[in-house]
Amino acid sequence: MKTLFILNDAPYGTERSYNGLRLAGSLSKGKEQETKVFLIGDAAACAKKGQKVPSGYYNTELMLKTVARHKGEIGVCASCMDARGITDEELAEGTKRSSLDELADWTIWADKVITF
């Protein structure tokens, strides 16, 4: 099964991106699963490296690394990055600058598209 997750919300403040990353991380561990995550809008900040959160609180950077470690691809909307002042050098390991064209390709590729 090929699943694309599209996340829209900021990493902290709501739990939408958190819940999307929880599900993406779980699915990415499956033997027959291929997972891609696209971060758009405020979700672009989920991929910022060096996040420091309170003890016991979730960390979206680490959650993205779990998806990447299981061969999941993670794209971050380039215009959303630029609008938020996030540079390529500030992206977390396993994530990459991406585009709406790639999101369109990934949407065609996917058996299921899930948005958060």
Protein backbone atom coordinates (compact mmCIF):
# COMPACT_ATOMS: atom_id res chain seq x y z
CA MET A 1 0.00 0.00 0.00
CA LYS A 2 1.28 3.46 -0.93
CA THR A 3 0.12 6.21 1.43
CA LEU A 4 0.65 9.95 1.18
CA PHE A 5 0.16 12.16 4.23
CA ILE A 6 -0.38 15.88 3.70
CA LEU A 7 0.08 17.89 6.88
CA ASN A 8 -1.07 21.51 7.12
CA ASP A 9 -0.89 22.57 10.78
CA ALA A 10 1.98 23.96 12.82
CA PRO A 11 3.99 21.41 14.80
CA TYR A 12 2.77 22.70 18.15
CA GLY A 13 -0.44 24.36 19.28
CA THR A 14 -2.79 21.75 17.83
CA GLU A 15 -2.28 18.01 17.65
CA ARG A 16 -3.17 17.57 13.97
CA SER A 17 0.41 17.31 12.68
CA TYR A 18 1.37 15.25 15.72
CA ASN A 19 -1.42 12.76 15.02
CA GLY A 20 -0.60 12.66 11.31
CA LEU A 21 3.05 11.90 12.10
CA ARG A 22 2.04 9.23 14.62
CA LEU A 23 0.03 7.43 11.96
CA ALA A 24 2.69 7.94 9.25
CA GLY A 25 5.34 6.56 11.60
CA SER A 26 3.25 3.50 12.40
CA LEU A 27 2.40 2.79 8.77
CA SER A 28 5.98 3.29 7.61
CA LYS A 29 7.05 0.31 9.75
CA GLY A 30 4.85 -2.12 7.77
CA LYS A 31 6.53 -4.55 5.37
CA GLU A 32 4.26 -3.84 2.41
CA GLN A 33 3.96 -0.11 3.10
CA GLU A 34 5.42 2.86 1.25
CA THR A 35 4.92 6.18 2.98
CA LYS A 36 5.41 9.77 1.88
CA VAL A 37 4.77 12.90 3.95
CA PHE A 38 4.31 16.37 2.50
CA LEU A 39 4.48 19.36 4.85
CA ILE A 40 2.65 22.43 3.58
CA GLY A 41 1.65 25.74 5.14
CA ASP A 42 2.46 26.00 8.83
CA ALA A 43 3.41 22.30 8.86
CA ALA A 44 6.69 23.28 7.15
CA ALA A 45 7.93 24.17 10.65
CA CYS A 46 7.58 20.48 11.63
CA ALA A 47 10.80 19.85 9.67
CA LYS A 48 12.93 22.47 11.45
CA LYS A 49 16.00 20.82 12.92
CA GLY A 50 17.20 21.45 16.45
CA GLN A 51 13.78 21.56 18.08
CA LYS A 52 13.92 21.82 21.87
CA VAL A 53 10.70 20.83 23.62
CA PRO A 54 9.85 20.38 27.29
CA SER A 55 10.69 17.01 28.81
CA GLY A 56 7.95 14.49 28.08
CA TYR A 57 6.57 16.49 25.12
CA TYR A 58 6.55 15.16 21.57
CA ASN A 59 9.11 16.40 19.04
CA THR A 60 8.06 16.51 15.36
CA GLU A 61 11.67 16.48 14.17
CA LEU A 62 12.20 13.10 15.85
CA MET A 63 8.87 11.82 14.55
CA LEU A 64 9.89 12.71 10.97
CA LYS A 65 13.20 10.90 11.48
CA THR A 66 11.21 7.75 12.34
CA VAL A 67 9.38 7.94 9.01
CA ALA A 68 12.65 8.58 7.13
CA ARG A 69 14.40 5.72 8.94
CA HIS A 70 11.75 3.37 7.55
CA LYS A 71 12.40 4.59 3.98
CA GLY A 72 9.59 7.14 3.95
CA GLU A 73 10.05 10.28 1.89
CA ILE A 74 9.36 13.70 3.40
CA GLY A 75 8.91 16.81 1.30
CA VAL A 76 8.57 20.35 2.59
CA CYS A 77 6.81 22.97 0.45
CA ALA A 78 9.49 25.37 -0.81
CA SER A 79 7.24 28.44 -0.94
CA CYS A 80 5.98 27.68 2.56
CA MET A 81 9.59 27.38 3.76
CA ASP A 82 10.49 30.70 2.14
CA ALA A 83 7.45 32.45 3.62
CA ARG A 84 8.54 31.29 7.09
CA GLY A 85 12.24 31.99 6.65
CA ILE A 86 13.26 28.33 6.82
CA THR A 87 16.41 27.57 4.82
CA ASP A 88 17.49 24.24 3.35
CA GLU A 89 20.26 24.07 5.97
CA GLU A 90 17.65 24.28 8.73
CA LEU A 91 15.73 21.20 7.56
CA ALA A 92 15.75 18.09 9.71
CA GLU A 93 17.64 15.02 8.58
CA GLY A 94 15.58 12.96 6.15
CA THR A 95 13.50 15.89 4.89
CA LYS A 96 13.94 17.91 1.69
CA ARG A 97 12.76 21.08 -0.02
CA SER A 98 9.95 20.10 -2.36
CA SER A 99 7.30 21.62 -4.61
CA LEU A 100 3.65 21.45 -5.54
CA ASP A 101 4.69 19.62 -8.70
CA GLU A 102 6.21 16.87 -6.55
CA LEU A 103 3.09 16.84 -4.36
CA ALA A 104 1.03 16.34 -7.53
CA ASP A 105 3.27 13.43 -8.59
CA TRP A 106 3.04 11.89 -5.11
CA THR A 107 -0.77 12.25 -5.17
CA ILE A 108 -0.94 10.31 -8.44
CA TRP A 109 1.48 7.71 -7.02
CA ALA A 110 -0.51 7.10 -3.82
CA ASP A 111 -3.20 4.50 -3.25
CA LYS A 112 -4.44 6.59 -0.31
CA VAL A 113 -4.05 10.30 0.50
CA ILE A 114 -4.63 11.32 4.11
CA THR A 115 -4.70 14.97 5.19
CA PHE A 116 -4.24 16.41 8.64
